Amino acid sequence: MIIEQTVEVPTSHRLTIDVPHEIPAGPAILAFKPIQKANKEKEKHGTPITDRLAGCLAGIGDISIEEIREERLAKYLK
């Protein structure tokens, strides 16, 4: 089970965490990942791999999902 929550870290850098009862007692991993404002939009759209692949398609122009699908399936429909 993974629970993710965005919190505002105060200037004192002190947080109090209440763990839900669904989390069993015992060892657990607590990770902190800062959100950078410039990357906030980028993180919503995909992973670094999909971002690189989307960059390859940036100069392709206006193309619909159907056209991409037809192009991809063309080798099987011959």
N, C-alpha and C. Protein backbone atom coordinates (compact mmCIF):
# COMPACT_ATOMS: atom_id res chain seq x y z
N MET A 1 0.85 -1.17 0.00
CA MET A 1 0.00 0.00 0.00
C MET A 1 0.89 1.23 0.00
N ILE A 2 0.58 2.16 -0.88
CA ILE A 2 1.31 3.42 -0.94
C ILE A 2 0.33 4.54 -0.69
N ILE A 3 0.67 5.41 0.21
CA ILE A 3 -0.12 6.60 0.48
C ILE A 3 0.76 7.79 0.16
N GLU A 4 0.25 8.68 -0.68
CA GLU A 4 1.01 9.86 -1.08
C GLU A 4 0.21 11.09 -0.71
N GLN A 5 0.87 12.06 -0.11
CA GLN A 5 0.20 13.29 0.28
C GLN A 5 1.17 14.44 0.10
N THR A 6 0.71 15.52 -0.51
CA THR A 6 1.52 16.71 -0.65
C THR A 6 1.30 17.58 0.57
N VAL A 7 2.39 17.99 1.20
CA VAL A 7 2.31 18.83 2.40
C VAL A 7 3.19 20.05 2.22
N GLU A 8 2.89 21.08 2.97
CA GLU A 8 3.70 22.29 3.00
C GLU A 8 4.67 22.16 4.17
N VAL A 9 5.96 22.17 3.89
CA VAL A 9 6.97 22.06 4.94
C VAL A 9 7.17 23.46 5.53
N PRO A 10 6.94 23.60 6.84
CA PRO A 10 7.11 24.92 7.46
C PRO A 10 8.59 25.29 7.58
N THR A 11 8.85 26.54 7.89
CA THR A 11 10.24 27.00 8.02
C THR A 11 10.97 26.29 9.15
N SER A 12 10.23 25.77 10.11
CA SER A 12 10.86 25.02 11.21
C SER A 12 11.28 23.62 10.77
N HIS A 13 10.80 23.18 9.60
CA HIS A 13 11.07 21.85 9.05
C HIS A 13 10.61 20.73 9.99
N ARG A 14 9.54 20.98 10.74
CA ARG A 14 8.99 19.98 11.65
C ARG A 14 7.60 19.59 11.18
N LEU A 15 7.40 18.29 10.99
CA LEU A 15 6.10 17.75 10.60
C LEU A 15 5.65 16.73 11.63
N THR A 16 4.34 16.67 11.88
CA THR A 16 3.76 15.63 12.71
C THR A 16 2.95 14.74 11.79
N ILE A 17 3.21 13.45 11.83
CA ILE A 17 2.57 12.52 10.91
C ILE A 17 1.67 11.55 11.67
N ASP A 18 0.41 11.49 11.30
CA ASP A 18 -0.52 10.50 11.81
C ASP A 18 -0.67 9.44 10.72
N VAL A 19 -0.34 8.22 11.04
CA VAL A 19 -0.39 7.12 10.08
C VAL A 19 -1.76 6.45 10.16
N PRO A 20 -2.42 6.22 9.00
CA PRO A 20 -3.72 5.56 9.02
C PRO A 20 -3.64 4.16 9.63
N HIS A 21 -4.73 3.70 10.22
CA HIS A 21 -4.76 2.39 10.86
C HIS A 21 -4.61 1.25 9.86
N GLU A 22 -4.87 1.52 8.56
CA GLU A 22 -4.72 0.48 7.54
C GLU A 22 -3.26 0.09 7.31
N ILE A 23 -2.35 0.94 7.70
CA ILE A 23 -0.92 0.64 7.58
C ILE A 23 -0.53 -0.25 8.76
N PRO A 24 0.00 -1.44 8.49
CA PRO A 24 0.37 -2.33 9.59
C PRO A 24 1.57 -1.78 10.37
N ALA A 25 1.60 -2.11 11.64
CA ALA A 25 2.73 -1.72 12.48
C ALA A 25 3.97 -2.47 12.01
N GLY A 26 5.12 -1.86 12.11
CA GLY A 26 6.37 -2.48 11.69
C GLY A 26 7.15 -1.55 10.78
N PRO A 27 8.19 -2.08 10.17
CA PRO A 27 9.04 -1.25 9.32
C PRO A 27 8.28 -0.66 8.13
N ALA A 28 8.60 0.56 7.78
CA ALA A 28 7.99 1.24 6.63
C ALA A 28 9.01 2.21 6.06
N ILE A 29 8.80 2.62 4.84
CA ILE A 29 9.68 3.59 4.19
C ILE A 29 8.95 4.92 4.13
N LEU A 30 9.60 5.95 4.58
CA LEU A 30 9.07 7.30 4.53
C LEU A 30 10.02 8.09 3.62
N ALA A 31 9.52 8.59 2.50
CA ALA A 31 10.37 9.29 1.54
C ALA A 31 9.87 10.72 1.35
N PHE A 32 10.80 11.63 1.16
CA PHE A 32 10.48 13.03 0.91
C PHE A 32 11.02 13.41 -0.46
N LYS A 33 10.16 13.99 -1.27
CA LYS A 33 10.55 14.41 -2.62
C LYS A 33 10.07 15.84 -2.80
N PRO A 34 10.99 16.81 -2.87
CA PRO A 34 10.56 18.19 -3.01
C PRO A 34 9.93 18.44 -4.39
N ILE A 35 8.92 19.28 -4.41
CA ILE A 35 8.26 19.65 -5.65
C ILE A 35 8.83 20.99 -6.10
N GLN A 36 9.41 20.99 -7.28
CA GLN A 36 9.94 22.23 -7.82
C GLN A 36 8.87 22.84 -8.71
N LYS A 37 8.61 24.10 -8.53
CA LYS A 37 7.51 24.76 -9.23
C LYS A 37 7.66 24.67 -10.75
N ALA A 38 8.87 24.72 -11.27
CA ALA A 38 9.08 24.65 -12.71
C ALA A 38 8.73 23.27 -13.24
N ASN A 39 8.93 22.22 -12.42
CA ASN A 39 8.68 20.86 -12.87
C ASN A 39 7.29 20.36 -12.51
N LYS A 40 6.50 21.14 -11.80
CA LYS A 40 5.19 20.70 -11.34
C LYS A 40 4.30 20.30 -12.51
N GLU A 41 4.23 21.12 -13.56
CA GLU A 41 3.42 20.80 -14.73
C GLU A 41 3.97 19.59 -15.46
N LYS A 42 5.28 19.50 -15.56
CA LYS A 42 5.91 18.40 -16.27
C LYS A 42 5.60 17.06 -15.62
N GLU A 43 5.59 17.03 -14.30
CA GLU A 43 5.33 15.78 -13.59
C GLU A 43 3.90 15.29 -13.80
N LYS A 44 2.97 16.18 -14.06
CA LYS A 44 1.59 15.78 -14.25
C LYS A 44 1.39 15.04 -15.57
N HIS A 45 2.26 15.28 -16.55
CA HIS A 45 2.04 14.75 -17.89
C HIS A 45 2.70 13.42 -18.16
N GLY A 46 3.65 12.98 -17.39
CA GLY A 46 4.24 11.69 -17.68
C GLY A 46 5.60 11.51 -17.04
N THR A 47 6.27 10.49 -17.51
CA THR A 47 7.58 10.13 -16.98
C THR A 47 8.66 10.73 -17.88
N PRO A 48 9.92 10.69 -17.44
CA PRO A 48 10.99 11.21 -18.30
C PRO A 48 11.05 10.52 -19.66
N ILE A 49 10.74 9.24 -19.70
CA ILE A 49 10.78 8.52 -20.98
C ILE A 49 9.70 9.04 -21.91
N THR A 50 8.47 9.20 -21.41
CA THR A 50 7.41 9.72 -22.27
C THR A 50 7.67 11.16 -22.65
N ASP A 51 8.31 11.93 -21.76
CA ASP A 51 8.65 13.30 -22.10
C ASP A 51 9.65 13.34 -23.26
N ARG A 52 10.65 12.44 -23.23
CA ARG A 52 11.63 12.39 -24.33
C ARG A 52 10.96 11.95 -25.62
N LEU A 53 10.07 10.97 -25.54
CA LEU A 53 9.38 10.52 -26.74
C LEU A 53 8.48 11.61 -27.30
N ALA A 54 7.83 12.35 -26.43
CA ALA A 54 6.98 13.45 -26.88
C ALA A 54 7.84 14.52 -27.55
N GLY A 55 9.06 14.72 -27.05
CA GLY A 55 9.97 15.68 -27.67
C GLY A 55 10.33 15.29 -29.09
N CYS A 56 10.42 14.00 -29.36
CA CYS A 56 10.70 13.51 -30.72
C CYS A 56 9.57 13.87 -31.67
N LEU A 57 8.36 13.95 -31.15
CA LEU A 57 7.19 14.21 -31.98
C LEU A 57 6.83 15.69 -32.05
N ALA A 58 7.62 16.55 -31.41
CA ALA A 58 7.27 17.96 -31.33
C ALA A 58 7.15 18.62 -32.70
N GLY A 59 7.98 18.25 -33.66
CA GLY A 59 7.97 18.88 -34.97
C GLY A 59 7.03 18.22 -35.96
N ILE A 60 6.24 17.30 -35.54
CA ILE A 60 5.39 16.52 -36.43
C ILE A 60 4.18 17.31 -36.93
N GLY A 61 3.77 18.35 -36.22
CA GLY A 61 2.62 19.14 -36.64
C GLY A 61 1.33 18.58 -36.06
N ASP A 62 0.21 19.02 -36.63
CA ASP A 62 -1.09 18.55 -36.15
C ASP A 62 -1.37 17.16 -36.70
N ILE A 63 -1.53 16.23 -35.80
CA ILE A 63 -1.85 14.85 -36.18
C ILE A 63 -2.78 14.31 -35.12
N SER A 64 -3.80 13.60 -35.56
CA SER A 64 -4.79 13.10 -34.60
C SER A 64 -4.36 11.74 -34.07
N ILE A 65 -5.00 11.33 -33.00
CA ILE A 65 -4.76 10.01 -32.41
C ILE A 65 -5.06 8.92 -33.43
N GLU A 66 -6.12 9.12 -34.21
CA GLU A 66 -6.48 8.11 -35.21
C GLU A 66 -5.38 7.95 -36.27
N GLU A 67 -4.79 9.07 -36.69
CA GLU A 67 -3.70 9.02 -37.67
C GLU A 67 -2.48 8.32 -37.12
N ILE A 68 -2.17 8.57 -35.86
CA ILE A 68 -1.04 7.89 -35.22
C ILE A 68 -1.33 6.39 -35.15
N ARG A 69 -2.54 6.02 -34.76
CA ARG A 69 -2.93 4.62 -34.65
C ARG A 69 -2.85 3.93 -36.02
N GLU A 70 -3.37 4.59 -37.07
CA GLU A 70 -3.32 4.02 -38.42
C GLU A 70 -1.88 3.81 -38.88
N GLU A 71 -1.03 4.79 -38.61
CA GLU A 71 0.38 4.69 -38.99
C GLU A 71 1.05 3.51 -38.28
N ARG A 72 0.76 3.38 -37.01
CA ARG A 72 1.36 2.31 -36.22
C ARG A 72 0.88 0.92 -36.68
N LEU A 73 -0.39 0.81 -37.03
CA LEU A 73 -0.97 -0.48 -37.42
C LEU A 73 -0.82 -0.80 -38.90
N ALA A 74 -0.32 0.14 -39.71
CA ALA A 74 -0.24 -0.04 -41.15
C ALA A 74 0.55 -1.29 -41.55
N LYS A 75 1.61 -1.59 -40.80
CA LYS A 75 2.43 -2.77 -41.16
C LYS A 75 1.66 -4.09 -40.97
N TYR A 76 0.66 -4.08 -40.10
CA TYR A 76 -0.12 -5.30 -39.86
C TYR A 76 -1.31 -5.43 -40.81
N LEU A 77 -1.73 -4.32 -41.41
CA LEU A 77 -2.92 -4.32 -42.25
C LEU A 77 -2.62 -4.51 -43.74
N LYS A 78 -1.34 -4.66 -44.09
CA LYS A 78 -0.97 -4.83 -45.50
C LYS A 78 -1.30 -6.20 -46.00
